[in-house]
Amino acid sequence: MQIGLIEYMNQNGITFYSEKVGLDYLDFKFGFKLEGFYGIMPKKVRDAVHCLLVLWNYQAYGTVAFVTRGRVKPFECPSQFQKEYDEFLSFCKKKKYTE
């Protein structure tokens, strides 16, 4: 028997939805560990992720935002270059190249 998010939360004594609850639910229901909101996923998982993202955005920001997920992992600066990267971002902000 497959259970939905509400039943999952009730069975586990969870009273407040969070991103972690959504990720744990995906693992419980599909056996799928989400590494990030990008990449190619099975259709059932993709549909569930979309619904959970809408719910999380509404809870976090009070709006319904339809998010398009990318197929490529977002940029993560390697730790050995973090200082230089932060300085570069600071420079760009001072020059008003970015917000």
PDB file of N, CA and C in Angstrom:
ATOM      1  N   MET A   1       0.844  -1.195   0.000  1.00  0.00           N
ATOM      2  CA  MET A   1       0.000   0.000   0.000  1.00  0.00           C
ATOM      3  C   MET A   1       0.881   1.247   0.000  1.00  0.00           C
ATOM      4  N   GLN A   2       0.610   2.120  -0.928  1.00  0.00           N
ATOM      5  CA  GLN A   2       1.362   3.365  -0.987  1.00  0.00           C
ATOM      6  C   GLN A   2       0.633   4.428  -0.182  1.00  0.00           C
ATOM      7  N   ILE A   3       1.392   5.193   0.568  1.00  0.00           N
ATOM      8  CA  ILE A   3       0.768   6.252   1.354  1.00  0.00           C
ATOM      9  C   ILE A   3       1.249   7.604   0.857  1.00  0.00           C
ATOM     10  N   GLY A   4       0.402   8.599   1.069  1.00  0.00           N
ATOM     11  CA  GLY A   4       0.737   9.951   0.671  1.00  0.00           C
ATOM     12  C   GLY A   4       1.504  10.677   1.759  1.00  0.00           C
ATOM     13  N   LEU A   5       1.833  11.913   1.485  1.00  0.00           N
ATOM     14  CA  LEU A   5       2.633  12.717   2.401  1.00  0.00           C
ATOM     15  C   LEU A   5       1.945  12.899   3.749  1.00  0.00           C
ATOM     16  N   ILE A   6       0.651  13.192   3.749  1.00  0.00           N
ATOM     17  CA  ILE A   6      -0.059  13.426   5.012  1.00  0.00           C
ATOM     18  C   ILE A   6      -0.049  12.167   5.870  1.00  0.00           C
ATOM     19  N   GLU A   7      -0.336  11.016   5.260  1.00  0.00           N
ATOM     20  CA  GLU A   7      -0.314   9.764   6.009  1.00  0.00           C
ATOM     21  C   GLU A   7       1.087   9.476   6.545  1.00  0.00           C
ATOM     22  N   TYR A   8       2.101   9.737   5.725  1.00  0.00           N
ATOM     23  CA  TYR A   8       3.494   9.541   6.145  1.00  0.00           C
ATOM     24  C   TYR A   8       3.804  10.398   7.368  1.00  0.00           C
ATOM     25  N   MET A   9       3.402  11.665   7.319  1.00  0.00           N
ATOM     26  CA  MET A   9       3.663  12.562   8.442  1.00  0.00           C
ATOM     27  C   MET A   9       2.908  12.108   9.687  1.00  0.00           C
ATOM     28  N   ASN A  10       1.644  11.717   9.539  1.00  0.00           N
ATOM     29  CA  ASN A  10       0.857  11.249  10.686  1.00  0.00           C
ATOM     30  C   ASN A  10       1.479  10.008  11.311  1.00  0.00           C
ATOM     31  N   GLN A  11       1.885   9.062  10.491  1.00  0.00           N
ATOM     32  CA  GLN A  11       2.468   7.819  11.001  1.00  0.00           C
ATOM     33  C   GLN A  11       3.787   8.049  11.727  1.00  0.00           C
ATOM     34  N   ASN A  12       4.494   9.108  11.349  1.00  0.00           N
ATOM     35  CA  ASN A  12       5.790   9.393  11.960  1.00  0.00           C
ATOM     36  C   ASN A  12       5.729  10.514  12.994  1.00  0.00           C
ATOM     37  N   GLY A  13       4.524  10.956  13.346  1.00  0.00           N
ATOM     38  CA  GLY A  13       4.366  11.992  14.366  1.00  0.00           C
ATOM     39  C   GLY A  13       4.907  13.345  13.956  1.00  0.00           C
ATOM     40  N   ILE A  14       4.921  13.622  12.671  1.00  0.00           N
ATOM     41  CA  ILE A  14       5.443  14.893  12.158  1.00  0.00           C
ATOM     42  C   ILE A  14       4.277  15.861  12.004  1.00  0.00           C
ATOM     43  N   THR A  15       4.405  17.036  12.610  1.00  0.00           N
ATOM     44  CA  THR A  15       3.313  18.014  12.558  1.00  0.00           C
ATOM     45  C   THR A  15       3.652  19.243  11.721  1.00  0.00           C
ATOM     46  N   PHE A  16       4.902  19.366  11.275  1.00  0.00           N
ATOM     47  CA  PHE A  16       5.316  20.553  10.535  1.00  0.00           C
ATOM     48  C   PHE A  16       6.112  20.115   9.309  1.00  0.00           C
ATOM     49  N   TYR A  17       5.668  20.517   8.133  1.00  0.00           N
ATOM     50  CA  TYR A  17       6.370  20.153   6.904  1.00  0.00           C
ATOM     51  C   TYR A  17       7.619  21.009   6.738  1.00  0.00           C
ATOM     52  N   SER A  18       8.688  20.384   6.304  1.00  0.00           N
ATOM     53  CA  SER A  18       9.923  21.094   5.981  1.00  0.00           C
ATOM     54  C   SER A  18      10.558  20.414   4.771  1.00  0.00           C
ATOM     55  N   GLU A  19      11.591  21.023   4.254  1.00  0.00           N
ATOM     56  CA  GLU A  19      12.297  20.429   3.120  1.00  0.00           C
ATOM     57  C   GLU A  19      12.832  19.048   3.492  1.00  0.00           C
ATOM     58  N   LYS A  20      13.346  18.909   4.716  1.00  0.00           N
ATOM     59  CA  LYS A  20      13.869  17.620   5.171  1.00  0.00           C
ATOM     60  C   LYS A  20      12.779  16.562   5.186  1.00  0.00           C
ATOM     61  N   VAL A  21      11.583  16.921   5.645  1.00  0.00           N
ATOM     62  CA  VAL A  21      10.465  15.971   5.649  1.00  0.00           C
ATOM     63  C   VAL A  21      10.177  15.521   4.216  1.00  0.00           C
ATOM     64  N   GLY A  22      10.167  16.461   3.282  1.00  0.00           N
ATOM     65  CA  GLY A  22       9.929  16.122   1.884  1.00  0.00           C
ATOM     66  C   GLY A  22      10.988  15.186   1.329  1.00  0.00           C
ATOM     67  N   LEU A  23      12.254  15.452   1.657  1.00  0.00           N
ATOM     68  CA  LEU A  23      13.342  14.592   1.182  1.00  0.00           C
ATOM     69  C   LEU A  23      13.253  13.198   1.801  1.00  0.00           C
ATOM     70  N   ASP A  24      12.930  13.148   3.103  1.00  0.00           N
ATOM     71  CA  ASP A  24      12.764  11.848   3.764  1.00  0.00           C
ATOM     72  C   ASP A  24      11.590  11.079   3.167  1.00  0.00           C
ATOM     73  N   TYR A  25      10.525  11.790   2.820  1.00  0.00           N
ATOM     74  CA  TYR A  25       9.358  11.157   2.210  1.00  0.00           C
ATOM     75  C   TYR A  25       9.714  10.553   0.845  1.00  0.00           C
ATOM     76  N   LEU A  26      10.499  11.279   0.048  1.00  0.00           N
ATOM     77  CA  LEU A  26      10.929  10.741  -1.251  1.00  0.00           C
ATOM     78  C   LEU A  26      11.719   9.447  -1.071  1.00  0.00           C
ATOM     79  N   ASP A  27      12.585   9.435  -0.065  1.00  0.00           N
ATOM     80  CA  ASP A  27      13.368   8.232   0.205  1.00  0.00           C
ATOM     81  C   ASP A  27      12.454   7.092   0.648  1.00  0.00           C
ATOM     82  N   PHE A  28      11.479   7.404   1.510  1.00  0.00           N
ATOM     83  CA  PHE A  28      10.544   6.391   1.999  1.00  0.00           C
ATOM     84  C   PHE A  28       9.683   5.831   0.870  1.00  0.00           C
ATOM     85  N   LYS A  29       9.104   6.715   0.085  1.00  0.00           N
ATOM     86  CA  LYS A  29       8.135   6.286  -0.927  1.00  0.00           C
ATOM     87  C   LYS A  29       8.783   5.658  -2.160  1.00  0.00           C
ATOM     88  N   PHE A  30       9.897   6.240  -2.608  1.00  0.00           N
ATOM     89  CA  PHE A  30      10.498   5.797  -3.867  1.00  0.00           C
ATOM     90  C   PHE A  30      11.871   5.144  -3.699  1.00  0.00           C
ATOM     91  N   GLY A  31      12.418   5.201  -2.468  1.00  0.00           N
ATOM     92  CA  GLY A  31      13.779   4.706  -2.282  1.00  0.00           C
ATOM     93  C   GLY A  31      14.771   5.557  -3.048  1.00  0.00           C
ATOM     94  N   PHE A  32      14.498   6.855  -3.127  1.00  0.00           N
ATOM     95  CA  PHE A  32      15.268   7.781  -3.953  1.00  0.00           C
ATOM     96  C   PHE A  32      15.877   8.854  -3.068  1.00  0.00           C
ATOM     97  N   LYS A  33      17.207   8.928  -3.054  1.00  0.00           N
ATOM     98  CA  LYS A  33      17.904   9.970  -2.299  1.00  0.00           C
ATOM     99  C   LYS A  33      18.187  11.123  -3.250  1.00  0.00           C
ATOM    100  N   LEU A  34      17.599  12.262  -2.956  1.00  0.00           N
ATOM    101  CA  LEU A  34      17.752  13.432  -3.810  1.00  0.00           C
ATOM    102  C   LEU A  34      19.022  14.175  -3.420  1.00  0.00           C
ATOM    103  N   GLU A  35      19.922  14.343  -4.372  1.00  0.00           N
ATOM    104  CA  GLU A  35      21.181  15.047  -4.135  1.00  0.00           C
ATOM    105  C   GLU A  35      21.023  16.549  -4.332  1.00  0.00           C
ATOM    106  N   GLY A  36      20.028  16.952  -5.083  1.00  0.00           N
ATOM    107  CA  GLY A  36      19.769  18.353  -5.369  1.00  0.00           C
ATOM    108  C   GLY A  36      18.608  18.430  -6.337  1.00  0.00           C
ATOM    109  N   PHE A  37      18.081  19.615  -6.520  1.00  0.00           N
ATOM    110  CA  PHE A  37      16.908  19.783  -7.378  1.00  0.00           C
ATOM    111  C   PHE A  37      17.327  20.016  -8.822  1.00  0.00           C
ATOM    112  N   TYR A  38      18.103  19.100  -9.362  1.00  0.00           N
ATOM    113  CA  TYR A  38      18.578  19.180 -10.733  1.00  0.00           C
ATOM    114  C   TYR A  38      18.747  17.759 -11.248  1.00  0.00           C
ATOM    115  N   GLY A  39      18.979  17.643 -12.515  1.00  0.00           N
ATOM    116  CA  GLY A  39      19.246  16.331 -13.096  1.00  0.00           C
ATOM    117  C   GLY A  39      17.991  15.624 -13.590  1.00  0.00           C
ATOM    118  N   ILE A  40      18.199  14.453 -14.149  1.00  0.00           N
ATOM    119  CA  ILE A  40      17.115  13.652 -14.702  1.00  0.00           C
ATOM    120  C   ILE A  40      16.661  12.652 -13.648  1.00  0.00           C
ATOM    121  N   MET A  41      15.346  12.556 -13.470  1.00  0.00           N
ATOM    122  CA  MET A  41      14.763  11.654 -12.481  1.00  0.00           C
ATOM    123  C   MET A  41      13.667  10.827 -13.131  1.00  0.00           C
ATOM    124  N   PRO A  42      13.336   9.681 -12.525  1.00  0.00           N
ATOM    125  CA  PRO A  42      12.170   8.936 -13.011  1.00  0.00           C
ATOM    126  C   PRO A  42      10.914   9.799 -12.922  1.00  0.00           C
ATOM    127  N   LYS A  43       9.960   9.601 -13.826  1.00  0.00           N
ATOM    128  CA  LYS A  43       8.777  10.454 -13.899  1.00  0.00           C
ATOM    129  C   LYS A  43       8.014  10.522 -12.581  1.00  0.00           C
ATOM    130  N   LYS A  44       7.778   9.388 -11.925  1.00  0.00           N
ATOM    131  CA  LYS A  44       7.034   9.413 -10.659  1.00  0.00           C
ATOM    132  C   LYS A  44       7.752  10.256  -9.614  1.00  0.00           C
ATOM    133  N   VAL A  45       9.063  10.117  -9.544  1.00  0.00           N
ATOM    134  CA  VAL A  45       9.847  10.900  -8.588  1.00  0.00           C
ATOM    135  C   VAL A  45       9.810  12.371  -8.978  1.00  0.00           C
ATOM    136  N   ARG A  46       9.983  12.650 -10.270  1.00  0.00           N
ATOM    137  CA  ARG A  46       9.982  14.036 -10.761  1.00  0.00           C
ATOM    138  C   ARG A  46       8.671  14.735 -10.422  1.00  0.00           C
ATOM    139  N   ASP A  47       7.541  14.046 -10.615  1.00  0.00           N
ATOM    140  CA  ASP A  47       6.236  14.634 -10.300  1.00  0.00           C
ATOM    141  C   ASP A  47       6.110  14.915  -8.811  1.00  0.00           C
ATOM    142  N   ALA A  48       6.568  13.980  -7.984  1.00  0.00           N
ATOM    143  CA  ALA A  48       6.506  14.177  -6.533  1.00  0.00           C
ATOM    144  C   ALA A  48       7.411  15.325  -6.101  1.00  0.00           C
ATOM    145  N   VAL A  49       8.609  15.403  -6.676  1.00  0.00           N
ATOM    146  CA  VAL A  49       9.542  16.486  -6.342  1.00  0.00           C
ATOM    147  C   VAL A  49       8.920  17.831  -6.684  1.00  0.00           C
ATOM    148  N   HIS A  50       8.288  17.920  -7.837  1.00  0.00           N
ATOM    149  CA  HIS A  50       7.652  19.177  -8.238  1.00  0.00           C
ATOM    150  C   HIS A  50       6.600  19.601  -7.208  1.00  0.00           C
ATOM    151  N   CYS A  51       5.747  18.680  -6.807  1.00  0.00           N
ATOM    152  CA  CYS A  51       4.702  18.999  -5.822  1.00  0.00           C
ATOM    153  C   CYS A  51       5.308  19.410  -4.488  1.00  0.00           C
ATOM    154  N   LEU A  52       6.343  18.701  -4.049  1.00  0.00           N
ATOM    155  CA  LEU A  52       6.985  19.029  -2.777  1.00  0.00           C
ATOM    156  C   LEU A  52       7.684  20.385  -2.845  1.00  0.00           C
ATOM    157  N   LEU A  53       8.263  20.723  -3.999  1.00  0.00           N
ATOM    158  CA  LEU A  53       8.896  22.039  -4.158  1.00  0.00           C
ATOM    159  C   LEU A  53       7.868  23.166  -4.074  1.00  0.00           C
ATOM    160  N   VAL A  54       6.718  22.970  -4.704  1.00  0.00           N
ATOM    161  CA  VAL A  54       5.660  23.985  -4.642  1.00  0.00           C
ATOM    162  C   VAL A  54       5.212  24.165  -3.195  1.00  0.00           C
ATOM    163  N   LEU A  55       5.019  23.058  -2.485  1.00  0.00           N
ATOM    164  CA  LEU A  55       4.612  23.123  -1.078  1.00  0.00           C
ATOM    165  C   LEU A  55       5.671  23.819  -0.238  1.00  0.00           C
ATOM    166  N   TRP A  56       6.931  23.472  -0.450  1.00  0.00           N
ATOM    167  CA  TRP A  56       7.999  24.083   0.331  1.00  0.00           C
ATOM    168  C   TRP A  56       8.103  25.588   0.045  1.00  0.00           C
ATOM    169  N   ASN A  57       7.995  25.991  -1.225  1.00  0.00           N
ATOM    170  CA  ASN A  57       8.039  27.420  -1.559  1.00  0.00           C
ATOM    171  C   ASN A  57       6.887  28.172  -0.915  1.00  0.00           C
ATOM    172  N   TYR A  58       5.711  27.570  -0.916  1.00  0.00           N
ATOM    173  CA  TYR A  58       4.564  28.233  -0.294  1.00  0.00           C
ATOM    174  C   TYR A  58       4.802  28.393   1.200  1.00  0.00           C
ATOM    175  N   GLN A  59       5.299  27.346   1.830  1.00  0.00           N
ATOM    176  CA  GLN A  59       5.549  27.410   3.265  1.00  0.00           C
ATOM    177  C   GLN A  59       6.650  28.424   3.587  1.00  0.00           C
ATOM    178  N   ALA A  60       7.706  28.436   2.806  1.00  0.00           N
ATOM    179  CA  ALA A  60       8.851  29.297   3.088  1.00  0.00           C
ATOM    180  C   ALA A  60       8.611  30.757   2.717  1.00  0.00           C
ATOM    181  N   TYR A  61       7.900  31.009   1.598  1.00  0.00           N
ATOM    182  CA  TYR A  61       7.783  32.365   1.081  1.00  0.00           C
ATOM    183  C   TYR A  61       6.358  32.886   0.986  1.00  0.00           C
ATOM    184  N   GLY A  62       5.371  32.026   1.228  1.00  0.00           N
ATOM    185  CA  GLY A  62       3.976  32.459   1.179  1.00  0.00           C
ATOM    186  C   GLY A  62       3.439  32.650  -0.224  1.00  0.00           C
ATOM    187  N   THR A  63       4.144  32.129  -1.208  1.00  0.00           N
ATOM    188  CA  THR A  63       3.679  32.236  -2.590  1.00  0.00           C
ATOM    189  C   THR A  63       3.797  30.874  -3.269  1.00  0.00           C
ATOM    190  N   VAL A  64       3.003  30.703  -4.299  1.00  0.00           N
ATOM    191  CA  VAL A  64       3.116  29.492  -5.102  1.00  0.00           C
ATOM    192  C   VAL A  64       4.027  29.825  -6.269  1.00  0.00           C
ATOM    193  N   ALA A  65       5.173  29.194  -6.293  1.00  0.00           N
ATOM    194  CA  ALA A  65       6.148  29.444  -7.352  1.00  0.00           C
ATOM    195  C   ALA A  65       6.369  28.153  -8.117  1.00  0.00           C
ATOM    196  N   PHE A  66       6.192  28.209  -9.406  1.00  0.00           N
ATOM    197  CA  PHE A  66       6.439  27.038 -10.227  1.00  0.00           C
ATOM    198  C   PHE A  66       7.888  27.089 -10.681  1.00  0.00           C
ATOM    199  N   VAL A  67       8.668  26.178 -10.160  1.00  0.00           N
ATOM    200  CA  VAL A  67      10.105  26.177 -10.356  1.00  0.00           C
ATOM    201  C   VAL A  67      10.480  25.221 -11.481  1.00  0.00           C
ATOM    202  N   THR A  68      11.324  25.694 -12.369  1.00  0.00           N
ATOM    203  CA  THR A  68      11.870  24.831 -13.403  1.00  0.00           C
ATOM    204  C   THR A  68      13.226  24.339 -12.918  1.00  0.00           C
ATOM    205  N   ARG A  69      13.362  23.041 -12.840  1.00  0.00           N
ATOM    206  CA  ARG A  69      14.623  22.473 -12.391  1.00  0.00           C
ATOM    207  C   ARG A  69      15.579  22.357 -13.567  1.00  0.00           C
ATOM    208  N   GLY A  70      16.837  22.644 -13.322  1.00  0.00           N
ATOM    209  CA  GLY A  70      17.844  22.484 -14.357  1.00  0.00           C
ATOM    210  C   GLY A  70      18.344  21.051 -14.418  1.00  0.00           C
ATOM    211  N   ARG A  71      19.053  20.735 -15.474  1.00  0.00           N
ATOM    212  CA  ARG A  71      19.629  19.395 -15.609  1.00  0.00           C
ATOM    213  C   ARG A  71      21.074  19.359 -15.134  1.00  0.00           C
ATOM    214  N   VAL A  72      21.655  20.527 -14.906  1.00  0.00           N
ATOM    215  CA  VAL A  72      23.049  20.608 -14.500  1.00  0.00           C
ATOM    216  C   VAL A  72      23.117  21.081 -13.056  1.00  0.00           C
ATOM    217  N   LYS A  73      23.990  20.473 -12.282  1.00  0.00           N
ATOM    218  CA  LYS A  73      24.176  20.852 -10.887  1.00  0.00           C
ATOM    219  C   LYS A  73      24.655  22.304 -10.813  1.00  0.00           C
ATOM    220  N   PRO A  74      24.086  23.103  -9.887  1.00  0.00           N
ATOM    221  CA  PRO A  74      24.541  24.489  -9.739  1.00  0.00           C
ATOM    222  C   PRO A  74      26.027  24.550  -9.360  1.00  0.00           C
ATOM    223  N   PHE A  75      26.647  25.673  -9.682  1.00  0.00           N
ATOM    224  CA  PHE A  75      28.071  25.855  -9.408  1.00  0.00           C
ATOM    225  C   PHE A  75      28.347  25.809  -7.911  1.00  0.00           C
ATOM    226  N   GLU A  76      29.376  25.059  -7.541  1.00  0.00           N
ATOM    227  CA  GLU A  76      29.886  25.035  -6.174  1.00  0.00           C
ATOM    228  C   GLU A  76      31.378  25.307  -6.255  1.00  0.00           C
ATOM    229  N   CYS A  77      31.802  26.348  -5.571  1.00  0.00           N
ATOM    230  CA  CYS A  77      33.211  26.712  -5.597  1.00  0.00           C
ATOM    231  C   CYS A  77      34.020  25.687  -4.801  1.00  0.00           C
ATOM    232  N   PRO A  78      35.119  25.191  -5.368  1.00  0.00           N
ATOM    233  CA  PRO A  78      35.985  24.285  -4.604  1.00  0.00           C
ATOM    234  C   PRO A  78      36.533  25.005  -3.370  1.00  0.00           C
ATOM    235  N   SER A  79      36.628  24.303  -2.266  1.00  0.00           N
ATOM    236  CA  SER A  79      37.011  24.926  -0.994  1.00  0.00           C
ATOM    237  C   SER A  79      38.361  25.639  -1.072  1.00  0.00           C
ATOM    238  N   GLN A  80      39.306  25.136  -1.852  1.00  0.00           N
ATOM    239  CA  GLN A  80      40.624  25.763  -1.923  1.00  0.00           C
ATOM    240  C   GLN A  80      40.594  27.123  -2.626  1.00  0.00           C
ATOM    241  N   PHE A  81      39.497  27.430  -3.341  1.00  0.00           N
ATOM    242  CA  PHE A  81      39.374  28.714  -4.033  1.00  0.00           C
ATOM    243  C   PHE A  81      38.296  29.612  -3.425  1.00  0.00           C
ATOM    244  N   GLN A  82      37.734  29.221  -2.290  1.00  0.00           N
ATOM    245  CA  GLN A  82      36.600  29.944  -1.714  1.00  0.00           C
ATOM    246  C   GLN A  82      36.941  31.399  -1.392  1.00  0.00           C
ATOM    247  N   LYS A  83      38.110  31.659  -0.812  1.00  0.00           N
ATOM    248  CA  LYS A  83      38.501  33.031  -0.451  1.00  0.00           C
ATOM    249  C   LYS A  83      38.537  33.925  -1.694  1.00  0.00           C
ATOM    250  N   GLU A  84      39.186  33.468  -2.743  1.00  0.00           N
ATOM    251  CA  GLU A  84      39.293  34.251  -3.971  1.00  0.00           C
ATOM    252  C   GLU A  84      37.923  34.446  -4.622  1.00  0.00           C
ATOM    253  N   TYR A  85      37.116  33.412  -4.574  1.00  0.00           N
ATOM    254  CA  TYR A  85      35.769  33.503  -5.154  1.00  0.00           C
ATOM    255  C   TYR A  85      34.934  34.536  -4.403  1.00  0.00           C
ATOM    256  N   ASP A  86      34.998  34.525  -3.076  1.00  0.00           N
ATOM    257  CA  ASP A  86      34.258  35.502  -2.276  1.00  0.00           C
ATOM    258  C   ASP A  86      34.733  36.924  -2.567  1.00  0.00           C
ATOM    259  N   GLU A  87      36.048  37.102  -2.731  1.00  0.00           N
ATOM    260  CA  GLU A  87      36.588  38.422  -3.075  1.00  0.00           C
ATOM    261  C   GLU A  87      36.095  38.874  -4.449  1.00  0.00           C
ATOM    262  N   PHE A  88      36.053  37.951  -5.388  1.00  0.00           N
ATOM    263  CA  PHE A  88      35.547  38.263  -6.726  1.00  0.00           C
ATOM    264  C   PHE A  88      34.083  38.690  -6.664  1.00  0.00           C
ATOM    265  N   LEU A  89      33.263  37.960  -5.910  1.00  0.00           N
ATOM    266  CA  LEU A  89      31.849  38.332  -5.767  1.00  0.00           C
ATOM    267  C   LEU A  89      31.709  39.702  -5.123  1.00  0.00           C
ATOM    268  N   SER A  90      32.520  39.969  -4.109  1.00  0.00           N
ATOM    269  CA  SER A  90      32.489  41.272  -3.447  1.00  0.00           C
ATOM    270  C   SER A  90      32.855  42.385  -4.432  1.00  0.00           C
ATOM    271  N   PHE A  91      33.881  42.164  -5.242  1.00  0.00           N
ATOM    272  CA  PHE A  91      34.293  43.127  -6.257  1.00  0.00           C
ATOM    273  C   PHE A  91      33.148  43.395  -7.238  1.00  0.00           C
ATOM    274  N   CYS A  92      32.499  42.331  -7.707  1.00  0.00           N
ATOM    275  CA  CYS A  92      31.396  42.476  -8.666  1.00  0.00           C
ATOM    276  C   CYS A  92      30.245  43.275  -8.067  1.00  0.00           C
ATOM    277  N   LYS A  93      29.965  43.059  -6.792  1.00  0.00           N
ATOM    278  CA  LYS A  93      28.883  43.799  -6.135  1.00  0.00           C
ATOM    279  C   LYS A  93      29.247  45.271  -5.984  1.00  0.00           C
ATOM    280  N   LYS A  94      30.506  45.553  -5.616  1.00  0.00           N
ATOM    281  CA  LYS A  94      30.949  46.945  -5.473  1.00  0.00           C
ATOM    282  C   LYS A  94      30.873  47.695  -6.799  1.00  0.00           C
ATOM    283  N   LYS A  95      31.203  47.024  -7.889  1.00  0.00           N
ATOM    284  CA  LYS A  95      31.148  47.632  -9.215  1.00  0.00           C
ATOM    285  C   LYS A  95      29.742  47.617  -9.806  1.00  0.00           C
ATOM    286  N   LYS A  96      28.808  47.047  -9.050  1.00  0.00           N
ATOM    287  CA  LYS A  96      27.400  46.939  -9.456  1.00  0.00           C
ATOM    288  C   LYS A  96      27.233  46.123 -10.737  1.00  0.00           C
ATOM    289  N   TYR A  97      28.079  45.091 -10.878  1.00  0.00           N
ATOM    290  CA  TYR A  97      27.926  44.148 -11.980  1.00  0.00           C
ATOM    291  C   TYR A  97      26.802  43.163 -11.684  1.00  0.00           C
ATOM    292  N   THR A  98      26.513  43.006 -10.396  1.00  0.00           N
ATOM    293  CA  THR A  98      25.478  42.082  -9.947  1.00  0.00           C
ATOM    294  C   THR A  98      24.872  42.617  -8.661  1.00  0.00           C
ATOM    295  N   GLU A  99      23.783  41.990  -8.250  1.00  0.00           N
ATOM    296  CA  GLU A  99      23.132  42.440  -7.010  1.00  0.00           C
ATOM    297  C   GLU A  99      23.724  41.769  -5.809  1.00  0.00           C
TER     298      GLU A  99
END
